[in-house]
C-alpha atoms as a PDB file:
ATOM      1  CA  MET A   1      89.429  93.311 101.236  1.00  0.00           C
ATOM      2  CA  SER A   2      91.877  90.831 101.484  1.00  0.00           C
ATOM      3  CA  ASN A   3      92.052  90.234  97.745  1.00  0.00           C
ATOM      4  CA  PHE A   4      91.349  91.560  94.190  1.00  0.00           C
ATOM      5  CA  LYS A   5      88.566  88.918  93.801  1.00  0.00           C
ATOM      6  CA  ASN A   6      86.953  89.532  96.762  1.00  0.00           C
ATOM      7  CA  PHE A   7      86.788  93.605  96.148  1.00  0.00           C
ATOM      8  CA  VAL A   8      85.694  92.139  92.931  1.00  0.00           C
ATOM      9  CA  GLU A   9      82.786  91.072  94.313  1.00  0.00           C
ATOM     10  CA  SER A  10      82.453  93.908  96.722  1.00  0.00           C
ATOM     11  CA  ARG A  11      81.586  95.611  93.745  1.00  0.00           C
ATOM     12  CA  SER A  12      78.611  92.898  91.699  1.00  0.00           C
ATOM     13  CA  ASP A  13      76.341  95.610  90.529  1.00  0.00           C
ATOM     14  CA  LYS A  14      79.468  96.446  88.380  1.00  0.00           C
ATOM     15  CA  LYS A  15      81.210  94.677  85.929  1.00  0.00           C
ATOM     16  CA  MET A  16      85.378  94.936  86.374  1.00  0.00           C
ATOM     17  CA  ILE A  17      86.066  95.062  82.450  1.00  0.00           C
ATOM     18  CA  SER A  18      83.906  97.072  80.947  1.00  0.00           C
ATOM     19  CA  SER A  19      83.621  97.081  77.121  1.00  0.00           C
ATOM     20  CA  SER A  20      85.497  99.788  76.577  1.00  0.00           C
ATOM     21  CA  SER A  21      88.387  98.782  78.625  1.00  0.00           C
ATOM     22  CA  VAL A  22      88.325  95.368  76.648  1.00  0.00           C
ATOM     23  CA  GLN A  23      89.851  97.228  73.342  1.00  0.00           C
ATOM     24  CA  TYR A  24      93.050  97.378  75.360  1.00  0.00           C
ATOM     25  CA  LEU A  25      92.664  93.595  75.792  1.00  0.00           C
ATOM     26  CA  THR A  26      91.432  92.554  72.668  1.00  0.00           C
ATOM     27  CA  ALA A  27      94.000  94.384  71.209  1.00  0.00           C
ATOM     28  CA  GLN A  28      96.802  92.195  73.184  1.00  0.00           C
ATOM     29  CA  ILE A  29      95.065  89.551  72.382  1.00  0.00           C
ATOM     30  CA  SER A  30      94.198  88.914  68.826  1.00  0.00           C
ATOM     31  CA  GLY A  31      97.674  90.804  68.157  1.00  0.00           C
ATOM     32  CA  THR A  32      99.274  87.703  69.451  1.00  0.00           C
ATOM     33  CA  LEU A  33      96.871  85.303  67.824  1.00  0.00           C
ATOM     34  CA  ILE A  34      96.486  86.706  64.543  1.00  0.00           C
ATOM     35  CA  SER A  35      96.080  90.666  62.898  1.00  0.00           C
ATOM     36  CA  THR A  36      92.996  92.097  63.822  1.00  0.00           C
ATOM     37  CA  SER A  37      91.650  92.405  60.488  1.00  0.00           C
ATOM     38  CA  ASP A  38      91.969  88.928  59.577  1.00  0.00           C
ATOM     39  CA  LEU A  39      90.549  87.599  62.640  1.00  0.00           C
ATOM     40  CA  PHE A  40      87.708  89.626  62.703  1.00  0.00           C
ATOM     41  CA  GLY A  41      85.176  89.923  58.949  1.00  0.00           C
ATOM     42  CA  ASP A  42      83.769  93.006  60.481  1.00  0.00           C
ATOM     43  CA  ASP A  43      82.048  95.339  63.004  1.00  0.00           C
ATOM     44  CA  LYS A  44      80.109  92.763  63.998  1.00  0.00           C
ATOM     45  CA  ASP A  45      82.322  90.055  64.610  1.00  0.00           C
ATOM     46  CA  ARG A  46      84.534  92.190  66.412  1.00  0.00           C
ATOM     47  CA  GLU A  47      81.735  93.149  68.536  1.00  0.00           C
ATOM     48  CA  ASN A  48      80.579  89.619  69.414  1.00  0.00           C
ATOM     49  CA  PHE A  49      84.807  89.138  70.325  1.00  0.00           C
ATOM     50  CA  SER A  50      84.698  91.727  72.734  1.00  0.00           C
ATOM     51  CA  SER A  51      81.434  91.088  74.259  1.00  0.00           C
ATOM     52  CA  GLU A  52      83.180  87.048  74.642  1.00  0.00           C
ATOM     53  CA  VAL A  53      86.058  89.111  76.237  1.00  0.00           C
ATOM     54  CA  VAL A  54      84.012  90.845  78.475  1.00  0.00           C
ATOM     55  CA  GLN A  55      82.170  88.041  79.502  1.00  0.00           C
ATOM     56  CA  LEU A  56      85.247  85.379  80.037  1.00  0.00           C
ATOM     57  CA  ALA A  57      86.820  88.203  82.239  1.00  0.00           C
ATOM     58  CA  ASN A  58      84.799  89.099  84.618  1.00  0.00           C
ATOM     59  CA  SER A  59      83.946  85.212  85.246  1.00  0.00           C
ATOM     60  CA  ASP A  60      84.513  83.630  88.798  1.00  0.00           C
ATOM     61  CA  GLU A  61      87.091  81.454  86.899  1.00  0.00           C
ATOM     62  CA  VAL A  62      89.206  84.094  85.337  1.00  0.00           C
ATOM     63  CA  LEU A  63      89.036  86.646  88.581  1.00  0.00           C
ATOM     64  CA  THR A  64      90.249  83.866  90.861  1.00  0.00           C
ATOM     65  CA  GLU A  65      93.031  82.987  88.605  1.00  0.00           C
ATOM     66  CA  LEU A  66      93.737  86.649  88.123  1.00  0.00           C
ATOM     67  CA  SER A  67      92.901  87.405  92.093  1.00  0.00           C
ATOM     68  CA  GLU A  68      96.068  84.155  92.562  1.00  0.00           C
ATOM     69  CA  SER A  69      98.534  85.358  90.288  1.00  0.00           C
ATOM     70  CA  ILE A  70      98.952  89.341  90.923  1.00  0.00           C
ATOM     71  CA  GLY A  71      98.412  88.782  94.963  1.00  0.00           C
ATOM     72  CA  ASP A  72      99.246  92.117  96.731  1.00  0.00           C
ATOM     73  CA  PRO A  73     101.230  95.148  95.803  1.00  0.00           C
ATOM     74  CA  LYS A  74     105.025  94.318  95.546  1.00  0.00           C
ATOM     75  CA  GLU A  75     107.145  96.388  97.876  1.00  0.00           C
ATOM     76  CA  ASN A  76     107.884  99.966  96.106  1.00  0.00           C
ATOM     77  CA  GLU A  77     105.375  99.164  93.428  1.00  0.00           C
ATOM     78  CA  SER A  78     103.388 102.286  92.043  1.00  0.00           C
ATOM     79  CA  GLU A  79      99.833 101.744  91.878  1.00  0.00           C
ATOM     80  CA  ASP A  80     100.165 102.502  88.353  1.00  0.00           C
ATOM     81  CA  GLU A  81     102.435  99.718  88.185  1.00  0.00           C
ATOM     82  CA  PHE A  82     100.292  97.211  90.604  1.00  0.00           C
ATOM     83  CA  VAL A  83      97.635  98.160  87.693  1.00  0.00           C
ATOM     84  CA  ASP A  84     100.032  97.399  84.748  1.00  0.00           C
ATOM     85  CA  ARG A  85     100.919  94.325  85.974  1.00  0.00           C
ATOM     86  CA  ALA A  86      97.919  93.172  86.620  1.00  0.00           C
ATOM     87  CA  LYS A  87      96.460  93.975  82.915  1.00  0.00           C
ATOM     88  CA  SER A  88      99.112  92.050  81.338  1.00  0.00           C
ATOM     89  CA  THR A  89      98.920  89.291  83.837  1.00  0.00           C
ATOM     90  CA  LEU A  90      95.236  89.629  82.744  1.00  0.00           C
ATOM     91  CA  ALA A  91      96.040  89.134  78.957  1.00  0.00           C
ATOM     92  CA  THR A  92      97.963  86.428  79.393  1.00  0.00           C
ATOM     93  CA  ILE A  93      95.319  84.674  81.451  1.00  0.00           C
ATOM     94  CA  LEU A  94      92.805  85.733  78.257  1.00  0.00           C
ATOM     95  CA  LYS A  95      95.528  84.161  75.876  1.00  0.00           C
ATOM     96  CA  ASN A  96      95.491  81.062  77.562  1.00  0.00           C
ATOM     97  CA  LYS A  97      92.015  80.492  77.623  1.00  0.00           C
ATOM     98  CA  LEU A  98      90.940  81.940  74.064  1.00  0.00           C
ATOM     99  CA  MET A  99      93.834  79.508  72.837  1.00  0.00           C
ATOM    100  CA  LYS A 100      92.605  76.001  74.119  1.00  0.00           C
END
C-alpha cells in the first residue's frame, strides 16, 4: 500500500472509523467546541452526532486529507506513536470540518 487512503480503500468492506471508535473522537471534538452535556440534549442527539462523525471520518475527502497529513511512519516512530499521531490528526481534521 502506498498510503493510508489506499489501505482504507482496499478494505472497502469495512469502515475504518467504527461507531465504537467515535467515542474518542466525539470527546475530542465536542470538548473543543462546548461541553458534552451542553452539546447533546439526549442520547438520540449523541447517537446522531456520532453517526455523522463516523460518516465524515470515512468520507473520501477526510481520508485523503488524513493520508496526506500523516504520511509514512517517521523514522524510529513506534506503531503506537504512529496511531496516536493519526488519531490526533484525524480529530483536528474533523474539528475543522465540523466548525465550518
